[in-house]
Amino acid sequence: YPEERISYMLEDSGAGSLIVQHPEDVPARYSGRVISL
């Protein structure tokens, strides 16, 4: 997905944590907890 869509989904959902598979996929504007696979 485009970064804007990902950021919108994270913000709209209120996700407090984000599990990410690849380091390059961590959204720049996400302020919650990032858990790296």
ModelCIF file with pLDDT and N, C-alpha, C, O atoms, coordinates in Angstrom:
data_MODEL
#
_entry.id   MODEL 
#
_entity.id                         1 
_entity.type                       polymer 
_entity.pdbx_number_of_molecules   1 
#
_entity_poly.entity_id                      1 
_entity_poly.type                           'polypeptide(L)' 
_entity_poly.nstd_linkage                   no 
_entity_poly.nstd_monomer                   no 
_entity_poly.pdbx_seq_one_letter_code       YPEERISYMLEDSGAGSLIVQHPEDVPARYSGRVISL 
_entity_poly.pdbx_seq_one_letter_code_can   YPEERISYMLEDSGAGSLIVQHPEDVPARYSGRVISL 
_entity_poly.pdbx_strand_id                 A 
#
loop_
_entity_poly_seq.entity_id 
_entity_poly_seq.num 
_entity_poly_seq.mon_id 
_entity_poly_seq.hetero 
1 1  TYR n 
1 2  PRO n 
1 3  GLU n 
1 4  GLU n 
1 5  ARG n 
1 6  ILE n 
1 7  SER n 
1 8  TYR n 
1 9  MET n 
1 10 LEU n 
1 11 GLU n 
1 12 ASP n 
1 13 SER n 
1 14 GLY n 
1 15 ALA n 
1 16 GLY n 
1 17 SER n 
1 18 LEU n 
1 19 ILE n 
1 20 VAL n 
1 21 GLN n 
1 22 HIS n 
1 23 PRO n 
1 24 GLU n 
1 25 ASP n 
1 26 VAL n 
1 27 PRO n 
1 28 ALA n 
1 29 ARG n 
1 30 TYR n 
1 31 SER n 
1 32 GLY n 
1 33 ARG n 
1 34 VAL n 
1 35 ILE n 
1 36 SER n 
1 37 LEU n 
#
_struct_asym.id          A 
_struct_asym.entity_id   1 
#
loop_
_ma_qa_metric.id 
_ma_qa_metric.mode 
_ma_qa_metric.name 
_ma_qa_metric.software_group_id 
_ma_qa_metric.type 
1 global pLDDT . pLDDT 
2 local  pLDDT . pLDDT 
#
_ma_qa_metric_global.metric_id      1 
_ma_qa_metric_global.metric_value   89.86 
_ma_qa_metric_global.model_id       1 
_ma_qa_metric_global.ordinal_id     1 
#
loop_
_ma_qa_metric_local.label_asym_id 
_ma_qa_metric_local.label_comp_id 
_ma_qa_metric_local.label_seq_id 
_ma_qa_metric_local.metric_id 
_ma_qa_metric_local.metric_value 
_ma_qa_metric_local.model_id 
_ma_qa_metric_local.ordinal_id 
A TYR 1  2 94.00 1 1  
A PRO 2  2 93.00 1 2  
A GLU 3  2 90.00 1 3  
A GLU 4  2 92.00 1 4  
A ARG 5  2 94.00 1 5  
A ILE 6  2 93.00 1 6  
A SER 7  2 92.00 1 7  
A TYR 8  2 93.00 1 8  
A MET 9  2 94.00 1 9  
A LEU 10 2 93.00 1 10 
A GLU 11 2 93.00 1 11 
A ASP 12 2 93.00 1 12 
A SER 13 2 93.00 1 13 
A GLY 14 2 92.00 1 14 
A ALA 15 2 93.00 1 15 
A GLY 16 2 91.00 1 16 
A SER 17 2 93.00 1 17 
A LEU 18 2 93.00 1 18 
A ILE 19 2 94.00 1 19 
A VAL 20 2 93.00 1 20 
A GLN 21 2 89.00 1 21 
A HIS 22 2 88.00 1 22 
A PRO 23 2 85.00 1 23 
A GLU 24 2 87.00 1 24 
A ASP 25 2 87.00 1 25 
A VAL 26 2 85.00 1 26 
A PRO 27 2 86.00 1 27 
A ALA 28 2 83.00 1 28 
A ARG 29 2 83.00 1 29 
A TYR 30 2 85.00 1 30 
A SER 31 2 86.00 1 31 
A GLY 32 2 87.00 1 32 
A ARG 33 2 88.00 1 33 
A VAL 34 2 90.00 1 34 
A ILE 35 2 89.00 1 35 
A SER 36 2 87.00 1 36 
A LEU 37 2 84.00 1 37 
#
loop_
_atom_site.group_PDB 
_atom_site.id 
_atom_site.type_symbol 
_atom_site.label_atom_id 
_atom_site.label_alt_id 
_atom_site.label_comp_id 
_atom_site.label_asym_id 
_atom_site.label_entity_id 
_atom_site.label_seq_id 
_atom_site.pdbx_PDB_ins_code 
_atom_site.Cartn_x 
_atom_site.Cartn_y 
_atom_site.Cartn_z 
_atom_site.occupancy 
_atom_site.B_iso_or_equiv 
_atom_site.pdbx_formal_charge 
_atom_site.auth_seq_id 
_atom_site.auth_comp_id 
_atom_site.auth_asym_id 
_atom_site.auth_atom_id 
_atom_site.pdbx_PDB_model_num 
ATOM 1   N N  . TYR A 1 1  ? 0.838  -1.194  0.000  1.00 94.00 ? 1  TYR A N  1 
ATOM 2   C CA . TYR A 1 1  ? 0.000  0.000   0.000  1.00 94.00 ? 1  TYR A CA 1 
ATOM 3   C C  . TYR A 1 1  ? 0.878  1.251   0.000  1.00 94.00 ? 1  TYR A C  1 
ATOM 4   O O  . TYR A 1 1  ? 2.001  1.222   0.503  1.00 94.00 ? 1  TYR A O  1 
ATOM 5   N N  . PRO A 1 2  ? 0.369  2.350   -0.563 1.00 93.00 ? 2  PRO A N  1 
ATOM 6   C CA . PRO A 1 2  ? 1.115  3.612   -0.488 1.00 93.00 ? 2  PRO A CA 1 
ATOM 7   C C  . PRO A 1 2  ? 1.256  4.049   0.979  1.00 93.00 ? 2  PRO A C  1 
ATOM 8   O O  . PRO A 1 2  ? 0.399  3.746   1.808  1.00 93.00 ? 2  PRO A O  1 
ATOM 9   N N  . GLU A 1 3  ? 2.334  4.754   1.283  1.00 90.00 ? 3  GLU A N  1 
ATOM 10  C CA . GLU A 1 3  ? 2.607  5.162   2.667  1.00 90.00 ? 3  GLU A CA 1 
ATOM 11  C C  . GLU A 1 3  ? 1.470  6.006   3.252  1.00 90.00 ? 3  GLU A C  1 
ATOM 12  O O  . GLU A 1 3  ? 1.168  5.892   4.440  1.00 90.00 ? 3  GLU A O  1 
ATOM 13  N N  . GLU A 1 4  ? 0.835  6.854   2.428  1.00 92.00 ? 4  GLU A N  1 
ATOM 14  C CA . GLU A 1 4  ? -0.273 7.676   2.935  1.00 92.00 ? 4  GLU A CA 1 
ATOM 15  C C  . GLU A 1 4  ? -1.426 6.792   3.401  1.00 92.00 ? 4  GLU A C  1 
ATOM 16  O O  . GLU A 1 4  ? -2.046 7.061   4.430  1.00 92.00 ? 4  GLU A O  1 
ATOM 17  N N  . ARG A 1 5  ? -1.710 5.740   2.642  1.00 94.00 ? 5  ARG A N  1 
ATOM 18  C CA . ARG A 1 5  ? -2.805 4.836   3.026  1.00 94.00 ? 5  ARG A CA 1 
ATOM 19  C C  . ARG A 1 5  ? -2.460 4.089   4.308  1.00 94.00 ? 5  ARG A C  1 
ATOM 20  O O  . ARG A 1 5  ? -3.301 3.946   5.195  1.00 94.00 ? 5  ARG A O  1 
ATOM 21  N N  . ILE A 1 6  ? -1.229 3.617   4.402  1.00 93.00 ? 6  ILE A N  1 
ATOM 22  C CA . ILE A 1 6  ? -0.794 2.917   5.611  1.00 93.00 ? 6  ILE A CA 1 
ATOM 23  C C  . ILE A 1 6  ? -0.901 3.843   6.815  1.00 93.00 ? 6  ILE A C  1 
ATOM 24  O O  . ILE A 1 6  ? -1.418 3.446   7.860  1.00 93.00 ? 6  ILE A O  1 
ATOM 25  N N  . SER A 1 7  ? -0.420 5.066   6.675  1.00 92.00 ? 7  SER A N  1 
ATOM 26  C CA . SER A 1 7  ? -0.491 6.035   7.782  1.00 92.00 ? 7  SER A CA 1 
ATOM 27  C C  . SER A 1 7  ? -1.931 6.316   8.177  1.00 92.00 ? 7  SER A C  1 
ATOM 28  O O  . SER A 1 7  ? -2.250 6.395   9.364  1.00 92.00 ? 7  SER A O  1 
ATOM 29  N N  . TYR A 1 8  ? -2.803 6.469   7.181  1.00 93.00 ? 8  TYR A N  1 
ATOM 30  C CA . TYR A 1 8  ? -4.211 6.711   7.469  1.00 93.00 ? 8  TYR A CA 1 
ATOM 31  C C  . TYR A 1 8  ? -4.824 5.535   8.233  1.00 93.00 ? 8  TYR A C  1 
ATOM 32  O O  . TYR A 1 8  ? -5.549 5.734   9.208  1.00 93.00 ? 8  TYR A O  1 
ATOM 33  N N  . MET A 1 9  ? -4.532 4.310   7.787  1.00 94.00 ? 9  MET A N  1 
ATOM 34  C CA . MET A 1 9  ? -5.091 3.127   8.440  1.00 94.00 ? 9  MET A CA 1 
ATOM 35  C C  . MET A 1 9  ? -4.626 3.033   9.896  1.00 94.00 ? 9  MET A C  1 
ATOM 36  O O  . MET A 1 9  ? -5.411 2.706   10.786 1.00 94.00 ? 9  MET A O  1 
ATOM 37  N N  . LEU A 1 10 ? -3.366 3.318   10.126 1.00 93.00 ? 10 LEU A N  1 
ATOM 38  C CA . LEU A 1 10 ? -2.832 3.269   11.493 1.00 93.00 ? 10 LEU A CA 1 
ATOM 39  C C  . LEU A 1 10 ? -3.484 4.321   12.378 1.00 93.00 ? 10 LEU A C  1 
ATOM 40  O O  . LEU A 1 10 ? -3.866 4.041   13.514 1.00 93.00 ? 10 LEU A O  1 
ATOM 41  N N  . GLU A 1 11 ? -3.606 5.526   11.849 1.00 93.00 ? 11 GLU A N  1 
ATOM 42  C CA . GLU A 1 11 ? -4.203 6.613   12.625 1.00 93.00 ? 11 GLU A CA 1 
ATOM 43  C C  . GLU A 1 11 ? -5.694 6.372   12.862 1.00 93.00 ? 11 GLU A C  1 
ATOM 44  O O  . GLU A 1 11 ? -6.181 6.521   13.982 1.00 93.00 ? 11 GLU A O  1 
ATOM 45  N N  . ASP A 1 12 ? -6.408 6.002   11.812 1.00 93.00 ? 12 ASP A N  1 
ATOM 46  C CA . ASP A 1 12 ? -7.847 5.801   11.900 1.00 93.00 ? 12 ASP A CA 1 
ATOM 47  C C  . ASP A 1 12 ? -8.219 4.657   12.842 1.00 93.00 ? 12 ASP A C  1 
ATOM 48  O O  . ASP A 1 12 ? -9.228 4.732   13.544 1.00 93.00 ? 12 ASP A O  1 
ATOM 49  N N  . SER A 1 13 ? -7.412 3.606   12.857 1.00 93.00 ? 13 SER A N  1 
ATOM 50  C CA . SER A 1 13 ? -7.707 2.441   13.695 1.00 93.00 ? 13 SER A CA 1 
ATOM 51  C C  . SER A 1 13 ? -7.333 2.657   15.152 1.00 93.00 ? 13 SER A C  1 
ATOM 52  O O  . SER A 1 13 ? -7.866 1.987   16.037 1.00 93.00 ? 13 SER A O  1 
ATOM 53  N N  . GLY A 1 14 ? -6.418 3.590   15.407 1.00 92.00 ? 14 GLY A N  1 
ATOM 54  C CA . GLY A 1 14 ? -5.935 3.791   16.767 1.00 92.00 ? 14 GLY A CA 1 
ATOM 55  C C  . GLY A 1 14 ? -5.000 2.676   17.214 1.00 92.00 ? 14 GLY A C  1 
ATOM 56  O O  . GLY A 1 14 ? -4.861 2.432   18.412 1.00 92.00 ? 14 GLY A O  1 
ATOM 57  N N  . ALA A 1 15 ? -4.361 2.001   16.272 1.00 93.00 ? 15 ALA A N  1 
ATOM 58  C CA . ALA A 1 15 ? -3.458 0.896   16.605 1.00 93.00 ? 15 ALA A CA 1 
ATOM 59  C C  . ALA A 1 15 ? -2.325 1.396   17.498 1.00 93.00 ? 15 ALA A C  1 
ATOM 60  O O  . ALA A 1 15 ? -1.562 2.284   17.117 1.00 93.00 ? 15 ALA A O  1 
ATOM 61  N N  . GLY A 1 16 ? -2.229 0.814   18.684 1.00 91.00 ? 16 GLY A N  1 
ATOM 62  C CA . GLY A 1 16 ? -1.183 1.206   19.627 1.00 91.00 ? 16 GLY A CA 1 
ATOM 63  C C  . GLY A 1 16 ? 0.130  0.512   19.372 1.00 91.00 ? 16 GLY A C  1 
ATOM 64  O O  . GLY A 1 16 ? 1.178  0.965   19.832 1.00 91.00 ? 16 GLY A O  1 
ATOM 65  N N  . SER A 1 17 ? 0.082  -0.594  18.636 1.00 93.00 ? 17 SER A N  1 
ATOM 66  C CA . SER A 1 17 ? 1.288  -1.346  18.296 1.00 93.00 ? 17 SER A CA 1 
ATOM 67  C C  . SER A 1 17 ? 1.242  -1.716  16.826 1.00 93.00 ? 17 SER A C  1 
ATOM 68  O O  . SER A 1 17 ? 0.176  -1.873  16.229 1.00 93.00 ? 17 SER A O  1 
ATOM 69  N N  . LEU A 1 18 ? 2.437  -1.851  16.264 1.00 93.00 ? 18 LEU A N  1 
ATOM 70  C CA . LEU A 1 18 ? 2.575  -2.210  14.858 1.00 93.00 ? 18 LEU A CA 1 
ATOM 71  C C  . LEU A 1 18 ? 3.647  -3.281  14.748 1.00 93.00 ? 18 LEU A C  1 
ATOM 72  O O  . LEU A 1 18 ? 4.797  -3.059  15.127 1.00 93.00 ? 18 LEU A O  1 
ATOM 73  N N  . ILE A 1 19 ? 3.271  -4.436  14.233 1.00 94.00 ? 19 ILE A N  1 
ATOM 74  C CA . ILE A 1 19 ? 4.234  -5.498  13.955 1.00 94.00 ? 19 ILE A CA 1 
ATOM 75  C C  . ILE A 1 19 ? 4.653  -5.339  12.500 1.00 94.00 ? 19 ILE A C  1 
ATOM 76  O O  . ILE A 1 19 ? 3.813  -5.329  11.600 1.00 94.00 ? 19 ILE A O  1 
ATOM 77  N N  . VAL A 1 20 ? 5.961  -5.212  12.276 1.00 93.00 ? 20 VAL A N  1 
ATOM 78  C CA . VAL A 1 20 ? 6.487  -4.958  10.939 1.00 93.00 ? 20 VAL A CA 1 
ATOM 79  C C  . VAL A 1 20 ? 7.478  -6.055  10.563 1.00 93.00 ? 20 VAL A C  1 
ATOM 80  O O  . VAL A 1 20 ? 8.297  -6.476  11.380 1.00 93.00 ? 20 VAL A O  1 
ATOM 81  N N  . GLN A 1 21 ? 7.390  -6.511  9.316  1.00 89.00 ? 21 GLN A N  1 
ATOM 82  C CA . GLN A 1 21 ? 8.254  -7.594  8.858  1.00 89.00 ? 21 GLN A CA 1 
ATOM 83  C C  . GLN A 1 21 ? 9.615  -7.110  8.371  1.00 89.00 ? 21 GLN A C  1 
ATOM 84  O O  . GLN A 1 21 ? 10.626 -7.777  8.593  1.00 89.00 ? 21 GLN A O  1 
ATOM 85  N N  . HIS A 1 22 ? 9.650  -5.956  7.709  1.00 88.00 ? 22 HIS A N  1 
ATOM 86  C CA . HIS A 1 22 ? 10.902 -5.457  7.121  1.00 88.00 ? 22 HIS A CA 1 
ATOM 87  C C  . HIS A 1 22 ? 11.199 -4.047  7.630  1.00 88.00 ? 22 HIS A C  1 
ATOM 88  O O  . HIS A 1 22 ? 10.285 -3.231  7.744  1.00 88.00 ? 22 HIS A O  1 
ATOM 89  N N  . PRO A 1 23 ? 12.471 -3.749  7.940  1.00 85.00 ? 23 PRO A N  1 
ATOM 90  C CA . PRO A 1 23 ? 12.822 -2.427  8.493  1.00 85.00 ? 23 PRO A CA 1 
ATOM 91  C C  . PRO A 1 23 ? 12.404 -1.258  7.599  1.00 85.00 ? 23 PRO A C  1 
ATOM 92  O O  . PRO A 1 23 ? 12.014 -0.202  8.096  1.00 85.00 ? 23 PRO A O  1 
ATOM 93  N N  . GLU A 1 24 ? 12.485 -1.447  6.297  1.00 87.00 ? 24 GLU A N  1 
ATOM 94  C CA . GLU A 1 24 ? 12.158 -0.345  5.381  1.00 87.00 ? 24 GLU A CA 1 
ATOM 95  C C  . GLU A 1 24 ? 10.659 -0.043  5.338  1.00 87.00 ? 24 GLU A C  1 
ATOM 96  O O  . GLU A 1 24 ? 10.261 0.974   4.769  1.00 87.00 ? 24 GLU A O  1 
ATOM 97  N N  . ASP A 1 25 ? 9.826  -0.893  5.921  1.00 87.00 ? 25 ASP A N  1 
ATOM 98  C CA . ASP A 1 25 ? 8.376  -0.685  5.899  1.00 87.00 ? 25 ASP A CA 1 
ATOM 99  C C  . ASP A 1 25 ? 7.848  0.119   7.081  1.00 87.00 ? 25 ASP A C  1 
ATOM 100 O O  . ASP A 1 25 ? 6.663  0.453   7.107  1.00 87.00 ? 25 ASP A O  1 
ATOM 101 N N  . VAL A 1 26 ? 8.691  0.439   8.056  1.00 85.00 ? 26 VAL A N  1 
ATOM 102 C CA . VAL A 1 26 ? 8.225  1.198   9.226  1.00 85.00 ? 26 VAL A CA 1 
ATOM 103 C C  . VAL A 1 26 ? 7.819  2.595   8.768  1.00 85.00 ? 26 VAL A C  1 
ATOM 104 O O  . VAL A 1 26 ? 8.651  3.341   8.253  1.00 85.00 ? 26 VAL A O  1 
ATOM 105 N N  . PRO A 1 27 ? 6.541  2.962   8.951  1.00 86.00 ? 27 PRO A N  1 
ATOM 106 C CA . PRO A 1 27 ? 6.085  4.282   8.513  1.00 86.00 ? 27 PRO A CA 1 
ATOM 107 C C  . PRO A 1 27 ? 6.755  5.395   9.322  1.00 86.00 ? 27 PRO A C  1 
ATOM 108 O O  . PRO A 1 27 ? 6.872  5.311   10.545 1.00 86.00 ? 27 PRO A O  1 
ATOM 109 N N  . ALA A 1 28 ? 7.185  6.420   8.624  1.00 83.00 ? 28 ALA A N  1 
ATOM 110 C CA . ALA A 1 28 ? 7.903  7.527   9.258  1.00 83.00 ? 28 ALA A CA 1 
ATOM 111 C C  . ALA A 1 28 ? 7.050  8.253   10.292 1.00 83.00 ? 28 ALA A C  1 
ATOM 112 O O  . ALA A 1 28 ? 7.571  8.707   11.310 1.00 83.00 ? 28 ALA A O  1 
ATOM 113 N N  . ARG A 1 29 ? 5.745  8.370   10.045 1.00 83.00 ? 29 ARG A N  1 
ATOM 114 C CA . ARG A 1 29 ? 4.893  9.170   10.935 1.00 83.00 ? 29 ARG A CA 1 
ATOM 115 C C  . ARG A 1 29 ? 4.221  8.355   12.036 1.00 83.00 ? 29 ARG A C  1 
ATOM 116 O O  . ARG A 1 29 ? 3.437  8.912   12.803 1.00 83.00 ? 29 ARG A O  1 
ATOM 117 N N  . TYR A 1 30 ? 4.496  7.076   12.138 1.00 85.00 ? 30 TYR A N  1 
ATOM 118 C CA . TYR A 1 30 ? 3.831  6.261   13.168 1.00 85.00 ? 30 TYR A CA 1 
ATOM 119 C C  . TYR A 1 30 ? 4.499  6.489   14.515 1.00 85.00 ? 30 TYR A C  1 
ATOM 120 O O  . TYR A 1 30 ? 5.721  6.405   14.637 1.00 85.00 ? 30 TYR A O  1 
ATOM 121 N N  . SER A 1 31 ? 3.672  6.782   15.539 1.00 86.00 ? 31 SER A N  1 
ATOM 122 C CA . SER A 1 31 ? 4.229  7.109   16.854 1.00 86.00 ? 31 SER A CA 1 
ATOM 123 C C  . SER A 1 31 ? 3.976  6.025   17.908 1.00 86.00 ? 31 SER A C  1 
ATOM 124 O O  . SER A 1 31 ? 4.378  6.187   19.060 1.00 86.00 ? 31 SER A O  1 
ATOM 125 N N  . GLY A 1 32 ? 3.326  4.937   17.537 1.00 87.00 ? 32 GLY A N  1 
ATOM 126 C CA . GLY A 1 32 ? 3.072  3.859   18.491 1.00 87.00 ? 32 GLY A CA 1 
ATOM 127 C C  . GLY A 1 32 ? 4.274  2.932   18.624 1.00 87.00 ? 32 GLY A C  1 
ATOM 128 O O  . GLY A 1 32 ? 5.353  3.212   18.102 1.00 87.00 ? 32 GLY A O  1 
ATOM 129 N N  . ARG A 1 33 ? 4.068  1.827   19.331 1.00 88.00 ? 33 ARG A N  1 
ATOM 130 C CA . ARG A 1 33 ? 5.138  0.835   19.511 1.00 88.00 ? 33 ARG A CA 1 
ATOM 131 C C  . ARG A 1 33 ? 5.340  0.059   18.222 1.00 88.00 ? 33 ARG A C  1 
ATOM 132 O O  . ARG A 1 33 ? 4.375  -0.396  17.608 1.00 88.00 ? 33 ARG A O  1 
ATOM 133 N N  . VAL A 1 34 ? 6.595  -0.092  17.808 1.00 90.00 ? 34 VAL A N  1 
ATOM 134 C CA . VAL A 1 34 ? 6.936  -0.880  16.629 1.00 90.00 ? 34 VAL A CA 1 
ATOM 135 C C  . VAL A 1 34 ? 7.612  -2.156  17.098 1.00 90.00 ? 34 VAL A C  1 
ATOM 136 O O  . VAL A 1 34 ? 8.590  -2.121  17.845 1.00 90.00 ? 34 VAL A O  1 
ATOM 137 N N  . ILE A 1 35 ? 7.077  -3.282  16.650 1.00 89.00 ? 35 ILE A N  1 
ATOM 138 C CA . ILE A 1 35 ? 7.629  -4.593  16.978 1.00 89.00 ? 35 ILE A CA 1 
ATOM 139 C C  . ILE A 1 35 ? 8.160  -5.171  15.679 1.00 89.00 ? 35 ILE A C  1 
ATOM 140 O O  . ILE A 1 35 ? 7.405  -5.408  14.736 1.00 89.00 ? 35 ILE A O  1 
ATOM 141 N N  . SER A 1 36 ? 9.445  -5.392  15.640 1.00 87.00 ? 36 SER A N  1 
ATOM 142 C CA . SER A 1 36 ? 10.092 -5.811  14.396 1.00 87.00 ? 36 SER A CA 1 
ATOM 143 C C  . SER A 1 36 ? 10.217 -7.329  14.325 1.00 87.00 ? 36 SER A C  1 
ATOM 144 O O  . SER A 1 36 ? 10.811 -7.961  15.198 1.00 87.00 ? 36 SER A O  1 
ATOM 145 N N  . LEU A 1 37 ? 9.643  -7.900  13.266 1.00 84.00 ? 37 LEU A N  1 
ATOM 146 C CA . LEU A 1 37 ? 9.719  -9.342  13.072 1.00 84.00 ? 37 LEU A CA 1 
ATOM 147 C C  . LEU A 1 37 ? 11.157 -9.792  12.807 1.00 84.00 ? 37 LEU A C  1 
ATOM 148 O O  . LEU A 1 37 ? 11.406 -10.983 12.619 1.00 84.00 ? 37 LEU A O  1 
#
